[in-house]
N, C-alpha and C. Protein backbone atom coordinates (compact mmCIF):
# COMPACT_ATOMS: atom_id res chain seq x y z
N UNK A 1 9.99 28.03 -0.79
CA UNK A 1 9.11 28.79 0.08
C UNK A 1 9.06 28.11 1.46
N UNK A 2 9.27 28.86 2.49
CA UNK A 2 9.28 28.29 3.85
C UNK A 2 7.87 28.19 4.40
N UNK A 3 7.53 27.02 4.93
CA UNK A 3 6.21 26.83 5.50
C UNK A 3 6.11 27.58 6.81
N UNK A 4 5.02 28.34 7.02
CA UNK A 4 4.88 29.04 8.30
C UNK A 4 4.75 28.06 9.45
N UNK A 5 5.39 28.38 10.57
CA UNK A 5 5.35 27.52 11.75
C UNK A 5 4.46 28.16 12.82
N UNK A 6 3.79 27.32 13.55
CA UNK A 6 3.00 27.80 14.69
C UNK A 6 3.51 27.14 15.95
N UNK A 7 3.60 27.91 17.01
CA UNK A 7 4.12 27.35 18.26
C UNK A 7 5.63 27.24 18.23
N UNK A 8 6.18 26.66 19.27
CA UNK A 8 7.61 26.43 19.38
C UNK A 8 7.85 25.04 19.94
N UNK A 9 9.01 24.46 19.66
CA UNK A 9 9.30 23.16 20.26
C UNK A 9 9.20 23.25 21.78
N UNK A 10 8.71 22.22 22.40
CA UNK A 10 8.56 22.22 23.86
C UNK A 10 9.89 22.49 24.54
N UNK A 11 9.91 23.41 25.45
CA UNK A 11 11.14 23.80 26.13
C UNK A 11 11.74 22.61 26.87
N UNK A 12 13.02 22.38 26.63
CA UNK A 12 13.73 21.32 27.34
C UNK A 12 13.38 19.93 26.86
N UNK A 13 12.59 19.81 25.79
CA UNK A 13 12.19 18.48 25.33
C UNK A 13 13.11 18.02 24.21
N UNK A 14 13.00 16.75 23.86
CA UNK A 14 13.77 16.20 22.75
C UNK A 14 12.85 15.99 21.55
N UNK A 15 11.77 16.76 21.48
CA UNK A 15 10.82 16.61 20.39
C UNK A 15 11.49 16.87 19.05
N UNK A 16 11.34 15.94 18.15
CA UNK A 16 11.92 16.06 16.82
C UNK A 16 10.92 15.54 15.81
N UNK A 17 11.18 15.82 14.55
CA UNK A 17 10.30 15.31 13.50
C UNK A 17 10.26 13.79 13.52
N UNK A 18 11.40 13.16 13.76
CA UNK A 18 11.44 11.70 13.83
C UNK A 18 10.56 11.16 14.93
N UNK A 19 10.56 11.83 16.09
CA UNK A 19 9.71 11.39 17.20
C UNK A 19 8.24 11.56 16.87
N UNK A 20 7.91 12.64 16.17
CA UNK A 20 6.52 12.87 15.77
C UNK A 20 6.05 11.77 14.82
N UNK A 21 6.87 11.45 13.84
CA UNK A 21 6.50 10.40 12.86
C UNK A 21 6.40 9.04 13.55
N UNK A 22 7.33 8.75 14.45
CA UNK A 22 7.29 7.46 15.17
C UNK A 22 6.02 7.34 15.99
N UNK A 23 5.61 8.43 16.65
CA UNK A 23 4.37 8.40 17.44
C UNK A 23 3.16 8.22 16.52
N UNK A 24 3.20 8.86 15.37
CA UNK A 24 2.10 8.71 14.41
C UNK A 24 2.02 7.27 13.91
N UNK A 25 3.18 6.66 13.63
CA UNK A 25 3.21 5.25 13.20
C UNK A 25 2.62 4.35 14.27
N UNK A 26 2.96 4.59 15.52
CA UNK A 26 2.43 3.78 16.63
C UNK A 26 0.91 3.89 16.70
N UNK A 27 0.39 5.10 16.53
CA UNK A 27 -1.06 5.29 16.58
C UNK A 27 -1.75 4.55 15.45
N UNK A 28 -1.17 4.60 14.26
CA UNK A 28 -1.77 3.89 13.13
C UNK A 28 -1.76 2.39 13.37
N UNK A 29 -0.68 1.87 13.95
CA UNK A 29 -0.63 0.44 14.26
C UNK A 29 -1.74 0.04 15.24
N UNK A 30 -2.02 0.91 16.19
CA UNK A 30 -2.97 0.58 17.25
C UNK A 30 -4.42 0.89 16.87
N UNK A 31 -4.64 2.01 16.16
CA UNK A 31 -6.01 2.49 15.93
C UNK A 31 -6.37 2.65 14.46
N UNK A 32 -5.42 2.37 13.55
CA UNK A 32 -5.69 2.59 12.14
C UNK A 32 -5.53 4.05 11.79
N UNK A 33 -5.52 4.34 10.50
CA UNK A 33 -5.29 5.71 10.06
C UNK A 33 -6.41 6.65 10.50
N UNK A 34 -7.62 6.09 10.69
CA UNK A 34 -8.74 6.93 11.16
C UNK A 34 -8.49 7.43 12.58
N UNK A 35 -7.68 6.71 13.34
CA UNK A 35 -7.40 7.12 14.70
C UNK A 35 -6.26 8.11 14.83
N UNK A 36 -5.65 8.47 13.71
CA UNK A 36 -4.52 9.39 13.74
C UNK A 36 -5.01 10.84 13.78
N UNK A 37 -4.52 11.60 14.73
CA UNK A 37 -4.83 13.03 14.80
C UNK A 37 -3.66 13.74 15.46
N UNK A 38 -3.57 15.02 15.21
CA UNK A 38 -2.50 15.82 15.82
C UNK A 38 -2.63 15.78 17.35
N UNK A 39 -3.85 15.86 17.83
CA UNK A 39 -4.07 15.87 19.28
C UNK A 39 -3.58 14.57 19.91
N UNK A 40 -3.90 13.44 19.27
CA UNK A 40 -3.49 12.16 19.85
C UNK A 40 -1.98 11.97 19.80
N UNK A 41 -1.35 12.46 18.73
CA UNK A 41 0.11 12.39 18.65
C UNK A 41 0.73 13.23 19.77
N UNK A 42 0.17 14.41 20.00
CA UNK A 42 0.69 15.28 21.06
C UNK A 42 0.54 14.63 22.43
N UNK A 43 -0.62 14.00 22.67
CA UNK A 43 -0.84 13.32 23.95
C UNK A 43 0.17 12.20 24.15
N UNK A 44 0.44 11.46 23.08
CA UNK A 44 1.39 10.35 23.18
C UNK A 44 2.79 10.85 23.50
N UNK A 45 3.14 12.00 22.95
CA UNK A 45 4.47 12.55 23.16
C UNK A 45 4.57 13.37 24.44
N UNK A 46 3.40 13.65 25.05
CA UNK A 46 3.41 14.44 26.27
C UNK A 46 3.74 15.90 26.05
N UNK A 47 3.30 16.44 24.90
CA UNK A 47 3.56 17.86 24.59
C UNK A 47 2.24 18.54 24.24
N UNK A 48 2.27 19.84 24.21
CA UNK A 48 1.12 20.60 23.75
C UNK A 48 1.02 20.46 22.24
N UNK A 49 -0.20 20.38 21.74
CA UNK A 49 -0.38 20.15 20.31
C UNK A 49 0.26 21.26 19.48
N UNK A 50 0.35 22.47 20.02
CA UNK A 50 0.96 23.57 19.27
C UNK A 50 2.43 23.28 18.95
N UNK A 51 3.08 22.47 19.78
CA UNK A 51 4.49 22.13 19.53
C UNK A 51 4.66 21.33 18.25
N UNK A 52 3.64 20.54 17.89
CA UNK A 52 3.74 19.72 16.68
C UNK A 52 3.80 20.57 15.43
N UNK A 53 3.15 21.74 15.48
CA UNK A 53 3.10 22.57 14.27
C UNK A 53 4.45 23.20 13.94
N UNK A 54 5.41 23.06 14.84
CA UNK A 54 6.77 23.46 14.51
C UNK A 54 7.38 22.50 13.50
N UNK A 55 6.85 21.26 13.48
CA UNK A 55 7.42 20.21 12.63
C UNK A 55 6.53 19.85 11.44
N UNK A 56 5.22 19.90 11.61
CA UNK A 56 4.30 19.55 10.52
C UNK A 56 3.17 20.57 10.46
N UNK A 57 2.60 20.74 9.26
CA UNK A 57 1.55 21.75 9.09
C UNK A 57 0.18 21.24 9.51
N UNK A 58 0.02 19.93 9.65
CA UNK A 58 -1.27 19.38 10.03
C UNK A 58 -1.33 17.90 9.74
N UNK A 59 -2.52 17.31 9.87
CA UNK A 59 -2.66 15.86 9.73
C UNK A 59 -2.29 15.38 8.33
N UNK A 60 -2.65 16.14 7.29
CA UNK A 60 -2.35 15.68 5.94
C UNK A 60 -0.85 15.53 5.73
N UNK A 61 -0.07 16.49 6.20
CA UNK A 61 1.37 16.36 6.06
C UNK A 61 1.89 15.22 6.93
N UNK A 62 1.28 15.01 8.07
CA UNK A 62 1.68 13.92 8.94
C UNK A 62 1.47 12.56 8.24
N UNK A 63 0.35 12.43 7.54
CA UNK A 63 0.10 11.19 6.79
C UNK A 63 1.12 11.03 5.67
N UNK A 64 1.50 12.13 5.01
CA UNK A 64 2.55 12.07 4.00
C UNK A 64 3.84 11.52 4.60
N UNK A 65 4.20 11.99 5.78
CA UNK A 65 5.42 11.56 6.43
C UNK A 65 5.35 10.09 6.85
N UNK A 66 4.17 9.67 7.30
CA UNK A 66 3.98 8.26 7.65
C UNK A 66 4.13 7.39 6.40
N UNK A 67 3.55 7.84 5.29
CA UNK A 67 3.64 7.09 4.03
C UNK A 67 5.10 6.91 3.62
N UNK A 68 5.87 7.99 3.69
CA UNK A 68 7.27 7.89 3.29
C UNK A 68 8.06 7.01 4.26
N UNK A 69 7.74 7.11 5.55
CA UNK A 69 8.45 6.30 6.54
C UNK A 69 8.16 4.81 6.37
N UNK A 70 6.95 4.48 5.96
CA UNK A 70 6.62 3.08 5.70
C UNK A 70 7.58 2.48 4.67
N UNK A 71 7.89 3.25 3.64
CA UNK A 71 8.74 2.75 2.57
C UNK A 71 10.20 2.60 2.98
N UNK A 72 10.56 3.16 4.13
CA UNK A 72 11.94 2.99 4.61
C UNK A 72 12.22 1.53 4.98
N UNK A 73 11.16 0.74 5.17
CA UNK A 73 11.31 -0.66 5.57
C UNK A 73 11.49 -1.59 4.38
N UNK A 74 11.35 -1.05 3.17
CA UNK A 74 11.41 -1.90 1.97
C UNK A 74 12.85 -2.29 1.64
N UNK A 75 13.00 -3.49 1.10
CA UNK A 75 14.29 -3.95 0.58
C UNK A 75 14.11 -4.10 -0.93
N UNK A 76 14.68 -3.18 -1.69
CA UNK A 76 14.48 -3.16 -3.12
C UNK A 76 15.47 -4.08 -3.84
N UNK A 77 15.13 -4.56 -5.02
CA UNK A 77 15.97 -5.55 -5.71
C UNK A 77 17.30 -4.96 -6.19
N UNK A 78 18.23 -5.87 -6.42
CA UNK A 78 19.56 -5.52 -6.93
C UNK A 78 19.41 -4.89 -8.32
N UNK A 79 19.96 -3.69 -8.54
CA UNK A 79 19.84 -3.07 -9.86
C UNK A 79 20.55 -3.82 -10.97
N UNK A 80 21.36 -4.81 -10.61
CA UNK A 80 22.05 -5.59 -11.64
C UNK A 80 21.15 -6.68 -12.23
N UNK A 81 20.00 -6.93 -11.62
CA UNK A 81 19.09 -7.97 -12.13
C UNK A 81 18.48 -7.53 -13.46
N UNK A 82 18.03 -8.49 -14.28
CA UNK A 82 17.30 -8.13 -15.50
C UNK A 82 16.07 -7.30 -15.15
N UNK A 83 15.63 -6.47 -16.09
CA UNK A 83 14.60 -5.49 -15.77
C UNK A 83 13.30 -6.13 -15.30
N UNK A 84 12.88 -7.24 -15.91
CA UNK A 84 11.62 -7.86 -15.50
C UNK A 84 11.71 -8.41 -14.08
N UNK A 85 12.83 -9.01 -13.76
CA UNK A 85 13.02 -9.52 -12.40
C UNK A 85 13.00 -8.38 -11.38
N UNK A 86 13.61 -7.25 -11.75
CA UNK A 86 13.62 -6.10 -10.85
C UNK A 86 12.20 -5.56 -10.62
N UNK A 87 11.44 -5.42 -11.70
CA UNK A 87 10.08 -4.90 -11.57
C UNK A 87 9.23 -5.83 -10.72
N UNK A 88 9.26 -7.12 -11.02
CA UNK A 88 8.45 -8.06 -10.25
C UNK A 88 8.87 -8.09 -8.79
N UNK A 89 10.17 -8.11 -8.53
CA UNK A 89 10.64 -8.15 -7.15
C UNK A 89 10.23 -6.88 -6.40
N UNK A 90 10.27 -5.74 -7.07
CA UNK A 90 9.88 -4.48 -6.42
C UNK A 90 8.40 -4.49 -6.07
N UNK A 91 7.57 -5.00 -6.97
CA UNK A 91 6.13 -5.03 -6.73
C UNK A 91 5.78 -6.05 -5.65
N UNK A 92 6.45 -7.18 -5.64
CA UNK A 92 6.23 -8.18 -4.59
C UNK A 92 6.62 -7.60 -3.23
N UNK A 93 7.72 -6.86 -3.18
CA UNK A 93 8.15 -6.25 -1.92
C UNK A 93 7.17 -5.17 -1.48
N UNK A 94 6.66 -4.41 -2.43
CA UNK A 94 5.69 -3.36 -2.10
C UNK A 94 4.43 -3.98 -1.51
N UNK A 95 3.96 -5.07 -2.11
CA UNK A 95 2.78 -5.75 -1.57
C UNK A 95 3.07 -6.29 -0.16
N UNK A 96 4.24 -6.87 0.03
CA UNK A 96 4.60 -7.39 1.36
C UNK A 96 4.52 -6.27 2.40
N UNK A 97 5.05 -5.12 2.04
CA UNK A 97 5.06 -3.98 2.95
C UNK A 97 3.63 -3.53 3.28
N UNK A 98 2.77 -3.47 2.28
CA UNK A 98 1.39 -3.03 2.51
C UNK A 98 0.63 -4.03 3.37
N UNK A 99 0.91 -5.31 3.20
CA UNK A 99 0.23 -6.32 4.00
C UNK A 99 0.76 -6.35 5.44
N UNK A 100 2.02 -5.97 5.62
CA UNK A 100 2.65 -6.07 6.95
C UNK A 100 2.30 -4.91 7.87
N UNK A 101 1.77 -3.83 7.33
CA UNK A 101 1.51 -2.63 8.13
C UNK A 101 0.05 -2.24 8.05
N UNK A 102 -0.57 -2.10 9.19
CA UNK A 102 -1.99 -1.77 9.25
C UNK A 102 -2.30 -0.50 8.45
N UNK A 103 -3.31 -0.59 7.62
CA UNK A 103 -3.84 0.53 6.83
C UNK A 103 -2.82 1.12 5.86
N UNK A 104 -1.71 0.41 5.62
CA UNK A 104 -0.69 0.95 4.72
C UNK A 104 -1.25 1.15 3.32
N UNK A 105 -2.08 0.22 2.84
CA UNK A 105 -2.64 0.36 1.50
C UNK A 105 -3.56 1.58 1.42
N UNK A 106 -4.32 1.82 2.48
CA UNK A 106 -5.19 3.01 2.52
C UNK A 106 -4.35 4.29 2.47
N UNK A 107 -3.23 4.27 3.17
CA UNK A 107 -2.38 5.45 3.25
C UNK A 107 -1.69 5.70 1.92
N UNK A 108 -1.21 4.63 1.29
CA UNK A 108 -0.37 4.78 0.10
C UNK A 108 -1.17 4.97 -1.19
N UNK A 109 -2.36 4.41 -1.25
CA UNK A 109 -3.13 4.42 -2.51
C UNK A 109 -3.39 5.85 -2.98
N UNK A 110 -2.89 6.19 -4.15
CA UNK A 110 -3.14 7.49 -4.73
C UNK A 110 -2.35 8.63 -4.13
N UNK A 111 -1.46 8.33 -3.17
CA UNK A 111 -0.73 9.41 -2.49
C UNK A 111 0.57 9.70 -3.23
N UNK A 112 0.82 10.97 -3.50
CA UNK A 112 2.02 11.39 -4.23
C UNK A 112 2.90 12.17 -3.26
N UNK A 113 3.89 11.47 -2.72
CA UNK A 113 4.75 12.03 -1.67
C UNK A 113 6.17 12.15 -2.22
N UNK A 114 6.82 13.27 -1.97
CA UNK A 114 8.19 13.46 -2.46
C UNK A 114 9.22 13.27 -1.36
N UNK A 115 8.99 12.31 -0.49
CA UNK A 115 9.97 12.01 0.55
C UNK A 115 11.09 11.15 0.00
N UNK A 116 12.21 11.06 0.71
CA UNK A 116 13.38 10.32 0.22
C UNK A 116 13.11 8.83 -0.03
N UNK A 117 12.33 8.20 0.82
CA UNK A 117 12.06 6.77 0.65
C UNK A 117 11.11 6.52 -0.52
N UNK A 118 10.15 7.41 -0.69
CA UNK A 118 9.23 7.29 -1.82
C UNK A 118 9.98 7.50 -3.12
N UNK A 119 10.85 8.48 -3.16
CA UNK A 119 11.62 8.75 -4.38
C UNK A 119 12.56 7.58 -4.70
N UNK A 120 13.11 6.96 -3.67
CA UNK A 120 13.98 5.79 -3.89
C UNK A 120 13.18 4.64 -4.48
N UNK A 121 11.96 4.45 -4.00
CA UNK A 121 11.10 3.39 -4.54
C UNK A 121 10.75 3.68 -6.00
N UNK A 122 10.43 4.94 -6.28
CA UNK A 122 10.08 5.32 -7.65
C UNK A 122 11.27 5.16 -8.58
N UNK A 123 12.44 5.55 -8.11
CA UNK A 123 13.65 5.40 -8.92
C UNK A 123 13.91 3.93 -9.24
N UNK A 124 13.69 3.05 -8.28
CA UNK A 124 13.87 1.61 -8.50
C UNK A 124 13.01 1.12 -9.65
N UNK A 125 11.75 1.53 -9.66
CA UNK A 125 10.82 1.07 -10.69
C UNK A 125 11.11 1.73 -12.04
N UNK A 126 11.30 3.03 -12.03
CA UNK A 126 11.53 3.75 -13.30
C UNK A 126 12.83 3.32 -13.97
N UNK A 127 13.88 3.13 -13.19
CA UNK A 127 15.17 2.75 -13.79
C UNK A 127 15.07 1.39 -14.46
N UNK A 128 14.29 0.47 -13.86
CA UNK A 128 14.11 -0.84 -14.47
C UNK A 128 13.36 -0.73 -15.79
N UNK A 129 12.31 0.10 -15.80
CA UNK A 129 11.52 0.26 -17.03
C UNK A 129 12.33 0.94 -18.13
N UNK A 130 13.08 1.97 -17.77
CA UNK A 130 13.88 2.67 -18.77
C UNK A 130 14.98 1.77 -19.32
N UNK A 131 15.55 0.91 -18.47
CA UNK A 131 16.61 0.01 -18.94
C UNK A 131 16.08 -1.02 -19.93
N UNK A 132 14.75 -1.22 -19.91
CA UNK A 132 14.13 -2.15 -20.88
C UNK A 132 13.86 -1.47 -22.21
N UNK A 133 14.17 -0.17 -22.30
CA UNK A 133 13.95 0.55 -23.54
C UNK A 133 12.57 1.16 -23.65
N UNK A 134 11.83 1.21 -22.53
CA UNK A 134 10.49 1.81 -22.54
C UNK A 134 10.62 3.32 -22.72
N UNK A 135 9.81 3.88 -23.61
CA UNK A 135 9.81 5.33 -23.86
C UNK A 135 9.44 6.08 -22.58
N UNK A 136 9.92 7.31 -22.45
CA UNK A 136 9.82 8.02 -21.17
C UNK A 136 8.39 8.16 -20.66
N UNK A 137 7.48 8.64 -21.49
CA UNK A 137 6.11 8.81 -21.01
C UNK A 137 5.50 7.46 -20.66
N UNK A 138 5.76 6.45 -21.49
CA UNK A 138 5.23 5.12 -21.22
C UNK A 138 5.77 4.57 -19.90
N UNK A 139 7.05 4.87 -19.61
CA UNK A 139 7.63 4.40 -18.35
C UNK A 139 6.93 5.03 -17.16
N UNK A 140 6.65 6.34 -17.26
CA UNK A 140 5.96 7.03 -16.16
C UNK A 140 4.56 6.48 -15.99
N UNK A 141 3.82 6.31 -17.09
CA UNK A 141 2.45 5.80 -17.00
C UNK A 141 2.43 4.36 -16.50
N UNK A 142 3.41 3.57 -16.92
CA UNK A 142 3.48 2.17 -16.48
C UNK A 142 3.77 2.10 -14.99
N UNK A 143 4.62 2.98 -14.49
CA UNK A 143 4.92 2.99 -13.06
C UNK A 143 3.66 3.26 -12.25
N UNK A 144 2.85 4.23 -12.69
CA UNK A 144 1.59 4.51 -12.00
C UNK A 144 0.65 3.31 -12.09
N UNK A 145 0.59 2.68 -13.26
CA UNK A 145 -0.27 1.51 -13.45
C UNK A 145 0.12 0.38 -12.51
N UNK A 146 1.41 0.10 -12.44
CA UNK A 146 1.89 -1.03 -11.63
C UNK A 146 1.70 -0.79 -10.13
N UNK A 147 2.03 0.40 -9.67
CA UNK A 147 1.86 0.68 -8.24
C UNK A 147 0.37 0.73 -7.88
N UNK A 148 -0.45 1.24 -8.80
CA UNK A 148 -1.89 1.24 -8.57
C UNK A 148 -2.45 -0.17 -8.50
N UNK A 149 -1.89 -1.07 -9.33
CA UNK A 149 -2.31 -2.46 -9.29
C UNK A 149 -2.02 -3.07 -7.91
N UNK A 150 -0.83 -2.79 -7.38
CA UNK A 150 -0.46 -3.37 -6.09
C UNK A 150 -1.36 -2.85 -4.98
N UNK A 151 -1.53 -1.54 -4.89
CA UNK A 151 -2.34 -0.98 -3.80
C UNK A 151 -3.80 -1.42 -3.93
N UNK A 152 -4.31 -1.44 -5.16
CA UNK A 152 -5.69 -1.90 -5.36
C UNK A 152 -5.87 -3.37 -5.01
N UNK A 153 -4.89 -4.19 -5.39
CA UNK A 153 -4.94 -5.61 -5.09
C UNK A 153 -4.97 -5.83 -3.58
N UNK A 154 -4.10 -5.11 -2.86
CA UNK A 154 -4.03 -5.29 -1.41
C UNK A 154 -5.30 -4.78 -0.72
N UNK A 155 -5.82 -3.64 -1.18
CA UNK A 155 -7.07 -3.14 -0.60
C UNK A 155 -8.18 -4.18 -0.74
N UNK A 156 -8.27 -4.79 -1.90
CA UNK A 156 -9.29 -5.83 -2.12
C UNK A 156 -8.99 -7.07 -1.30
N UNK A 157 -7.71 -7.41 -1.21
CA UNK A 157 -7.27 -8.61 -0.49
C UNK A 157 -7.61 -8.54 0.99
N UNK A 158 -7.54 -7.35 1.57
CA UNK A 158 -7.73 -7.19 3.00
C UNK A 158 -9.18 -6.97 3.41
N UNK A 159 -10.04 -6.63 2.46
CA UNK A 159 -11.43 -6.37 2.81
C UNK A 159 -12.19 -7.69 2.93
N UNK A 160 -13.22 -7.73 3.78
CA UNK A 160 -14.05 -8.95 3.87
C UNK A 160 -14.68 -9.26 2.52
N UNK A 161 -14.77 -10.54 2.20
CA UNK A 161 -15.35 -10.95 0.92
C UNK A 161 -16.83 -10.61 0.84
N UNK A 162 -17.50 -10.76 1.95
CA UNK A 162 -18.95 -10.52 1.99
C UNK A 162 -19.38 -10.35 3.44
N UNK A 163 -20.68 -10.27 3.65
CA UNK A 163 -21.19 -10.03 5.00
C UNK A 163 -20.86 -11.19 5.95
N UNK A 164 -20.75 -12.41 5.41
CA UNK A 164 -20.45 -13.56 6.27
C UNK A 164 -19.06 -13.43 6.88
N UNK A 165 -18.08 -13.05 6.07
CA UNK A 165 -16.74 -12.88 6.62
C UNK A 165 -16.68 -11.64 7.50
N UNK A 166 -17.38 -10.59 7.11
CA UNK A 166 -17.40 -9.37 7.92
C UNK A 166 -17.97 -9.64 9.32
N UNK A 167 -18.87 -10.62 9.41
CA UNK A 167 -19.47 -10.97 10.70
C UNK A 167 -18.60 -11.93 11.50
N UNK A 168 -17.42 -12.27 10.97
CA UNK A 168 -16.49 -13.11 11.72
C UNK A 168 -16.35 -14.52 11.19
N UNK A 169 -16.94 -14.80 10.04
CA UNK A 169 -16.84 -16.14 9.46
C UNK A 169 -15.43 -16.48 9.01
N UNK A 170 -15.04 -17.72 9.13
CA UNK A 170 -13.73 -18.17 8.68
C UNK A 170 -13.65 -18.05 7.16
N UNK A 171 -12.58 -17.41 6.62
CA UNK A 171 -12.48 -17.20 5.18
C UNK A 171 -12.60 -18.49 4.36
N UNK A 172 -12.01 -19.58 4.85
CA UNK A 172 -12.09 -20.84 4.11
C UNK A 172 -13.52 -21.36 4.05
N UNK A 173 -14.24 -21.24 5.16
CA UNK A 173 -15.64 -21.66 5.18
C UNK A 173 -16.50 -20.78 4.28
N UNK A 174 -16.21 -19.48 4.30
CA UNK A 174 -16.97 -18.55 3.45
C UNK A 174 -16.75 -18.89 1.98
N UNK A 175 -15.50 -19.14 1.60
CA UNK A 175 -15.20 -19.49 0.21
C UNK A 175 -15.87 -20.80 -0.18
N UNK A 176 -15.89 -21.76 0.73
CA UNK A 176 -16.53 -23.04 0.43
C UNK A 176 -18.02 -22.85 0.16
N UNK A 177 -18.67 -21.99 0.94
CA UNK A 177 -20.09 -21.72 0.72
C UNK A 177 -20.32 -20.99 -0.60
N UNK A 178 -19.45 -20.02 -0.90
CA UNK A 178 -19.56 -19.31 -2.17
C UNK A 178 -19.38 -20.27 -3.33
N UNK A 179 -18.43 -21.19 -3.20
CA UNK A 179 -18.19 -22.19 -4.23
C UNK A 179 -19.46 -23.00 -4.50
N UNK A 180 -20.10 -23.44 -3.42
CA UNK A 180 -21.34 -24.23 -3.57
C UNK A 180 -22.44 -23.40 -4.23
N UNK A 181 -22.53 -22.14 -3.84
CA UNK A 181 -23.57 -21.28 -4.41
C UNK A 181 -23.34 -21.05 -5.90
N UNK A 182 -22.08 -20.86 -6.29
CA UNK A 182 -21.79 -20.65 -7.72
C UNK A 182 -22.12 -21.90 -8.54
N UNK A 183 -21.78 -23.07 -7.98
CA UNK A 183 -22.04 -24.32 -8.71
C UNK A 183 -23.53 -24.65 -8.78
N UNK A 184 -24.32 -24.02 -7.90
CA UNK A 184 -25.76 -24.27 -7.89
C UNK A 184 -26.52 -23.32 -8.81
N UNK A 185 -25.82 -22.38 -9.44
CA UNK A 185 -26.48 -21.44 -10.34
C UNK A 185 -27.03 -22.15 -11.56
N UNK A 186 -28.09 -21.63 -12.18
CA UNK A 186 -28.64 -22.25 -13.39
C UNK A 186 -27.60 -22.28 -14.51
N UNK A 187 -27.34 -23.46 -15.04
CA UNK A 187 -26.28 -23.60 -16.04
C UNK A 187 -26.59 -22.84 -17.32
N UNK A 188 -27.88 -22.75 -17.68
CA UNK A 188 -28.23 -22.06 -18.92
C UNK A 188 -27.97 -20.56 -18.85
N UNK A 189 -27.96 -20.01 -17.64
CA UNK A 189 -27.72 -18.57 -17.47
C UNK A 189 -26.27 -18.25 -17.14
N UNK A 190 -25.61 -19.12 -16.40
CA UNK A 190 -24.27 -18.82 -15.91
C UNK A 190 -23.29 -19.97 -16.18
N UNK A 191 -23.16 -20.41 -17.42
CA UNK A 191 -22.28 -21.55 -17.70
C UNK A 191 -20.81 -21.27 -17.37
N UNK A 192 -20.34 -20.06 -17.65
CA UNK A 192 -18.93 -19.74 -17.40
C UNK A 192 -18.64 -19.64 -15.91
N UNK A 193 -19.56 -19.03 -15.17
CA UNK A 193 -19.36 -18.92 -13.71
C UNK A 193 -19.32 -20.30 -13.08
N UNK A 194 -20.23 -21.18 -13.47
CA UNK A 194 -20.24 -22.54 -12.93
C UNK A 194 -18.95 -23.28 -13.28
N UNK A 195 -18.50 -23.13 -14.53
CA UNK A 195 -17.30 -23.82 -14.98
C UNK A 195 -16.07 -23.41 -14.19
N UNK A 196 -16.00 -22.12 -13.85
CA UNK A 196 -14.82 -21.59 -13.17
C UNK A 196 -15.00 -21.42 -11.67
N UNK A 197 -16.02 -22.04 -11.12
CA UNK A 197 -16.32 -21.86 -9.69
C UNK A 197 -15.12 -22.19 -8.80
N UNK A 198 -14.44 -23.29 -9.09
CA UNK A 198 -13.29 -23.68 -8.26
C UNK A 198 -12.16 -22.67 -8.38
N UNK A 199 -11.94 -22.17 -9.59
CA UNK A 199 -10.86 -21.19 -9.80
C UNK A 199 -11.20 -19.85 -9.16
N UNK A 200 -12.47 -19.46 -9.24
CA UNK A 200 -12.89 -18.18 -8.66
C UNK A 200 -12.79 -18.16 -7.14
N UNK A 201 -12.92 -19.32 -6.52
CA UNK A 201 -12.92 -19.39 -5.06
C UNK A 201 -11.65 -20.01 -4.48
N UNK A 202 -10.63 -20.19 -5.31
CA UNK A 202 -9.36 -20.76 -4.84
C UNK A 202 -8.61 -19.72 -4.01
N UNK A 203 -7.99 -20.17 -2.93
CA UNK A 203 -7.19 -19.26 -2.08
C UNK A 203 -5.76 -19.23 -2.63
N UNK A 204 -5.61 -18.50 -3.72
CA UNK A 204 -4.31 -18.45 -4.39
C UNK A 204 -3.91 -16.99 -4.62
N UNK A 205 -3.94 -16.17 -3.58
CA UNK A 205 -3.70 -14.75 -3.76
C UNK A 205 -2.28 -14.46 -4.25
N UNK A 206 -1.29 -15.18 -3.74
CA UNK A 206 0.08 -14.94 -4.19
C UNK A 206 0.22 -15.23 -5.68
N UNK A 207 -0.30 -16.38 -6.11
CA UNK A 207 -0.21 -16.74 -7.51
C UNK A 207 -1.01 -15.77 -8.37
N UNK A 208 -2.18 -15.36 -7.89
CA UNK A 208 -3.02 -14.42 -8.64
C UNK A 208 -2.32 -13.08 -8.80
N UNK A 209 -1.67 -12.65 -7.73
CA UNK A 209 -0.95 -11.38 -7.77
C UNK A 209 0.18 -11.43 -8.80
N UNK A 210 0.97 -12.48 -8.76
CA UNK A 210 2.09 -12.60 -9.70
C UNK A 210 1.59 -12.77 -11.14
N UNK A 211 0.46 -13.45 -11.31
CA UNK A 211 -0.08 -13.62 -12.66
C UNK A 211 -0.49 -12.27 -13.24
N UNK A 212 -1.04 -11.41 -12.40
CA UNK A 212 -1.41 -10.08 -12.87
C UNK A 212 -0.18 -9.30 -13.32
N UNK A 213 0.91 -9.39 -12.55
CA UNK A 213 2.15 -8.72 -12.94
C UNK A 213 2.65 -9.27 -14.27
N UNK A 214 2.63 -10.59 -14.41
CA UNK A 214 3.11 -11.21 -15.64
C UNK A 214 2.31 -10.73 -16.85
N UNK A 215 0.99 -10.67 -16.71
CA UNK A 215 0.15 -10.22 -17.82
C UNK A 215 0.51 -8.79 -18.23
N UNK A 216 0.71 -7.90 -17.23
CA UNK A 216 1.04 -6.51 -17.55
C UNK A 216 2.43 -6.40 -18.19
N UNK A 217 3.39 -7.15 -17.68
CA UNK A 217 4.74 -7.06 -18.23
C UNK A 217 4.83 -7.72 -19.60
N UNK A 218 4.04 -8.76 -19.82
CA UNK A 218 3.98 -9.35 -21.17
C UNK A 218 3.44 -8.33 -22.16
N UNK A 219 2.41 -7.58 -21.74
CA UNK A 219 1.88 -6.53 -22.61
C UNK A 219 2.91 -5.46 -22.90
N UNK A 220 3.70 -5.10 -21.88
CA UNK A 220 4.75 -4.10 -22.07
C UNK A 220 5.82 -4.63 -23.00
N UNK A 221 6.18 -5.89 -22.84
CA UNK A 221 7.17 -6.52 -23.72
C UNK A 221 6.72 -6.49 -25.17
N UNK A 222 5.43 -6.73 -25.36
CA UNK A 222 4.90 -6.79 -26.73
C UNK A 222 4.91 -5.41 -27.40
């Protein structure tokens, strides 16, 4: 079914879908996804907003295109690697991509886009799971679980820990204060929290991320 178009490409211009997506990416880098709008993209390109509707149906489709374009920057693992190495490498690369691009985790979380780059990413993950002998439905559900883990982890990773960090506090100083507060809790009420205070406040996000992957893949192996 052909999507209805409104307006026409600007006369004599080089306006293309690629230019529209590139302008949208630039806006997200500068203002975040909340700053993205059809009007602002049109202003950046120097065209009337009606010209954009020749290429996209509106902001939601524009965000879909930005999401797929983000994944064009990914370097996926060699398909000849063992399945566990492929899965872990793909998830590590996905996290790197989300951390490297402003609001990428917000854009990607829960978004189901059928663009070429998104499909290539999905194929990378599914082929690794199927090569391990995972049943078809389990492979599909596991792919959603793993990608959801990455986007959720990054969303949490990028948000301020508390009001002190949100107000501009140095993360290391904030963690040190939290550590002291946890260790000062009444031992009879919070023995486990006190015992693990150092582990709970350790700045080990990379190791924590990989440990989560290992736990999930160990469960799948079992």
